[in-house]
Amino acid sequence: MNIEQIKEKVKLAYTDVDSIEFLETQIQKGVEKHRRNYREFKALNPDKDFAYWKKRNEEINLNTTNNSEVIAMGIFLLALDKFQPDE
C-alpha cells in the first residue's frame, strides 16, 4: 500500500455521519500534534523548512497489514495534509 491508498482506506472506513465526525475530530487532534511537533523541530533545526519536515514525516512503514496501524497511519497522514505551519 502507498500513502494515498492508506489515506483513502481510512476515509472509506469512516463513511457514515457519526464516523465522519469522529474521523474529523481525530484529524484535528492530529493537526494539533503536528503543530507542536513542528514547533519543536524548528526550534532544534532552524535551517530546515516545512517541506523537509513533512517529507520526513511521510516516511513511515507502509508494509503493515494490521488494520489498527493502517488506521492510525491514515489519520496521521490526513492530519499532516491539513496542517499548515504558522510561519
C-alpha atoms as a PDB file:
ATOM      1  CA  MET A   1       0.000   0.000   0.000  1.00  0.00           C
ATOM      2  CA  ASN A   2       1.187   3.533  -0.698  1.00  0.00           C
ATOM      3  CA  ILE A   3       0.425   6.724   1.233  1.00  0.00           C
ATOM      4  CA  GLU A   4      -2.566   7.706  -0.899  1.00  0.00           C
ATOM      5  CA  GLN A   5      -4.087   4.210  -0.623  1.00  0.00           C
ATOM      6  CA  ILE A   6      -3.775   4.300   3.157  1.00  0.00           C
ATOM      7  CA  LYS A   7      -5.493   7.697   3.359  1.00  0.00           C
ATOM      8  CA  GLU A   8      -8.278   6.536   1.048  1.00  0.00           C
ATOM      9  CA  LYS A   9      -8.784   3.321   3.027  1.00  0.00           C
ATOM     10  CA  VAL A  10      -9.224   5.325   6.232  1.00  0.00           C
ATOM     11  CA  LYS A  11     -11.668   7.748   4.605  1.00  0.00           C
ATOM     12  CA  LEU A  12     -13.744   4.815   3.341  1.00  0.00           C
ATOM     13  CA  ALA A  13     -13.723   3.182   6.772  1.00  0.00           C
ATOM     14  CA  TYR A  14     -15.452   6.262   8.205  1.00  0.00           C
ATOM     15  CA  THR A  15     -18.267   6.836   5.728  1.00  0.00           C
ATOM     16  CA  ASP A  16     -21.367   7.230   7.907  1.00  0.00           C
ATOM     17  CA  VAL A  17     -22.241  10.520   9.606  1.00  0.00           C
ATOM     18  CA  ASP A  18     -21.112   9.620  13.137  1.00  0.00           C
ATOM     19  CA  SER A  19     -17.919   8.079  11.835  1.00  0.00           C
ATOM     20  CA  ILE A  20     -17.098  11.100   9.680  1.00  0.00           C
ATOM     21  CA  GLU A  21     -17.426  13.355  12.728  1.00  0.00           C
ATOM     22  CA  PHE A  22     -15.159  11.025  14.713  1.00  0.00           C
ATOM     23  CA  LEU A  23     -12.601  10.990  11.901  1.00  0.00           C
ATOM     24  CA  GLU A  24     -12.617  14.793  11.654  1.00  0.00           C
ATOM     25  CA  THR A  25     -12.115  15.055  15.421  1.00  0.00           C
ATOM     26  CA  GLN A  26      -9.177  12.664  15.254  1.00  0.00           C
ATOM     27  CA  ILE A  27      -7.669  14.557  12.316  1.00  0.00           C
ATOM     28  CA  GLN A  28      -7.986  17.861  14.247  1.00  0.00           C
ATOM     29  CA  LYS A  29      -6.199  16.286  17.219  1.00  0.00           C
ATOM     30  CA  GLY A  30      -3.513  15.103  14.807  1.00  0.00           C
ATOM     31  CA  VAL A  31      -3.137  18.592  13.348  1.00  0.00           C
ATOM     32  CA  GLU A  32      -2.540  19.974  16.845  1.00  0.00           C
ATOM     33  CA  LYS A  33       0.092  17.274  17.495  1.00  0.00           C
ATOM     34  CA  HIS A  34       1.782  18.130  14.199  1.00  0.00           C
ATOM     35  CA  ARG A  35       1.741  21.817  15.184  1.00  0.00           C
ATOM     36  CA  ARG A  36       3.534  21.059  18.472  1.00  0.00           C
ATOM     37  CA  ASN A  37       5.984  18.673  16.825  1.00  0.00           C
ATOM     38  CA  TYR A  38       6.794  21.140  14.048  1.00  0.00           C
ATOM     39  CA  ARG A  39       7.462  23.929  16.558  1.00  0.00           C
ATOM     40  CA  GLU A  40       9.878  21.644  18.431  1.00  0.00           C
ATOM     41  CA  PHE A  41      11.519  20.596  15.158  1.00  0.00           C
ATOM     42  CA  LYS A  42      12.010  24.246  14.070  1.00  0.00           C
ATOM     43  CA  ALA A  43      13.473  25.150  17.452  1.00  0.00           C
ATOM     44  CA  LEU A  44      16.056  22.397  17.024  1.00  0.00           C
ATOM     45  CA  ASN A  45      16.509  22.805  13.249  1.00  0.00           C
ATOM     46  CA  PRO A  46      16.005  26.463  12.302  1.00  0.00           C
ATOM     47  CA  ASP A  47      17.683  25.910   8.933  1.00  0.00           C
ATOM     48  CA  LYS A  48      15.165  23.236   7.827  1.00  0.00           C
ATOM     49  CA  ASP A  49      11.870  24.109   6.153  1.00  0.00           C
ATOM     50  CA  PHE A  50       8.329  22.750   6.305  1.00  0.00           C
ATOM     51  CA  ALA A  51       8.717  20.692   3.120  1.00  0.00           C
ATOM     52  CA  TYR A  52      11.682  18.848   4.643  1.00  0.00           C
ATOM     53  CA  TRP A  53       9.799  18.179   7.888  1.00  0.00           C
ATOM     54  CA  LYS A  54       6.676  16.971   6.064  1.00  0.00           C
ATOM     55  CA  LYS A  55       8.625  14.653   3.776  1.00  0.00           C
ATOM     56  CA  ARG A  56      10.412  13.214   6.782  1.00  0.00           C
ATOM     57  CA  ASN A  57       7.070  12.559   8.483  1.00  0.00           C
ATOM     58  CA  GLU A  58       5.700  10.790   5.415  1.00  0.00           C
ATOM     59  CA  GLU A  59       8.471   8.202   5.654  1.00  0.00           C
ATOM     60  CA  ILE A  60       6.507   5.587   7.576  1.00  0.00           C
ATOM     61  CA  ASN A  61       6.312   1.810   7.419  1.00  0.00           C
ATOM     62  CA  LEU A  62       3.869   1.170   4.597  1.00  0.00           C
ATOM     63  CA  ASN A  63       4.194  -2.610   4.846  1.00  0.00           C
ATOM     64  CA  THR A  64       1.932  -3.197   7.834  1.00  0.00           C
ATOM     65  CA  THR A  65      -1.157  -5.343   7.470  1.00  0.00           C
ATOM     66  CA  ASN A  66      -2.545  -4.582  10.923  1.00  0.00           C
ATOM     67  CA  ASN A  67      -5.802  -2.637  10.488  1.00  0.00           C
ATOM     68  CA  SER A  68      -5.286  -0.610  13.666  1.00  0.00           C
ATOM     69  CA  GLU A  69      -1.879   0.510  12.440  1.00  0.00           C
ATOM     70  CA  VAL A  70      -3.238   1.347   8.987  1.00  0.00           C
ATOM     71  CA  ILE A  71      -5.988   3.480  10.535  1.00  0.00           C
ATOM     72  CA  ALA A  72      -3.514   5.252  12.840  1.00  0.00           C
ATOM     73  CA  MET A  73      -1.169   5.920   9.911  1.00  0.00           C
ATOM     74  CA  GLY A  74      -4.043   7.138   7.764  1.00  0.00           C
ATOM     75  CA  ILE A  75      -5.237   9.593  10.402  1.00  0.00           C
ATOM     76  CA  PHE A  76      -1.639  10.746  10.929  1.00  0.00           C
ATOM     77  CA  LEU A  77      -1.215  11.343   7.183  1.00  0.00           C
ATOM     78  CA  LEU A  78      -4.603  13.042   6.740  1.00  0.00           C
ATOM     79  CA  ALA A  79      -3.758  15.384   9.619  1.00  0.00           C
ATOM     80  CA  LEU A  80      -0.367  16.034   8.045  1.00  0.00           C
ATOM     81  CA  ASP A  81      -2.131  17.068   4.822  1.00  0.00           C
ATOM     82  CA  LYS A  82      -4.324  19.557   6.724  1.00  0.00           C
ATOM     83  CA  PHE A  83      -1.527  21.005   8.840  1.00  0.00           C
ATOM     84  CA  GLN A  84      -0.131  24.377   7.779  1.00  0.00           C
ATOM     85  CA  PRO A  85       2.634  25.931   9.886  1.00  0.00           C
ATOM     86  CA  ASP A  86       2.172  29.366  11.436  1.00  0.00           C
ATOM     87  CA  GLU A  87       5.441  30.669   9.977  1.00  0.00           C
END
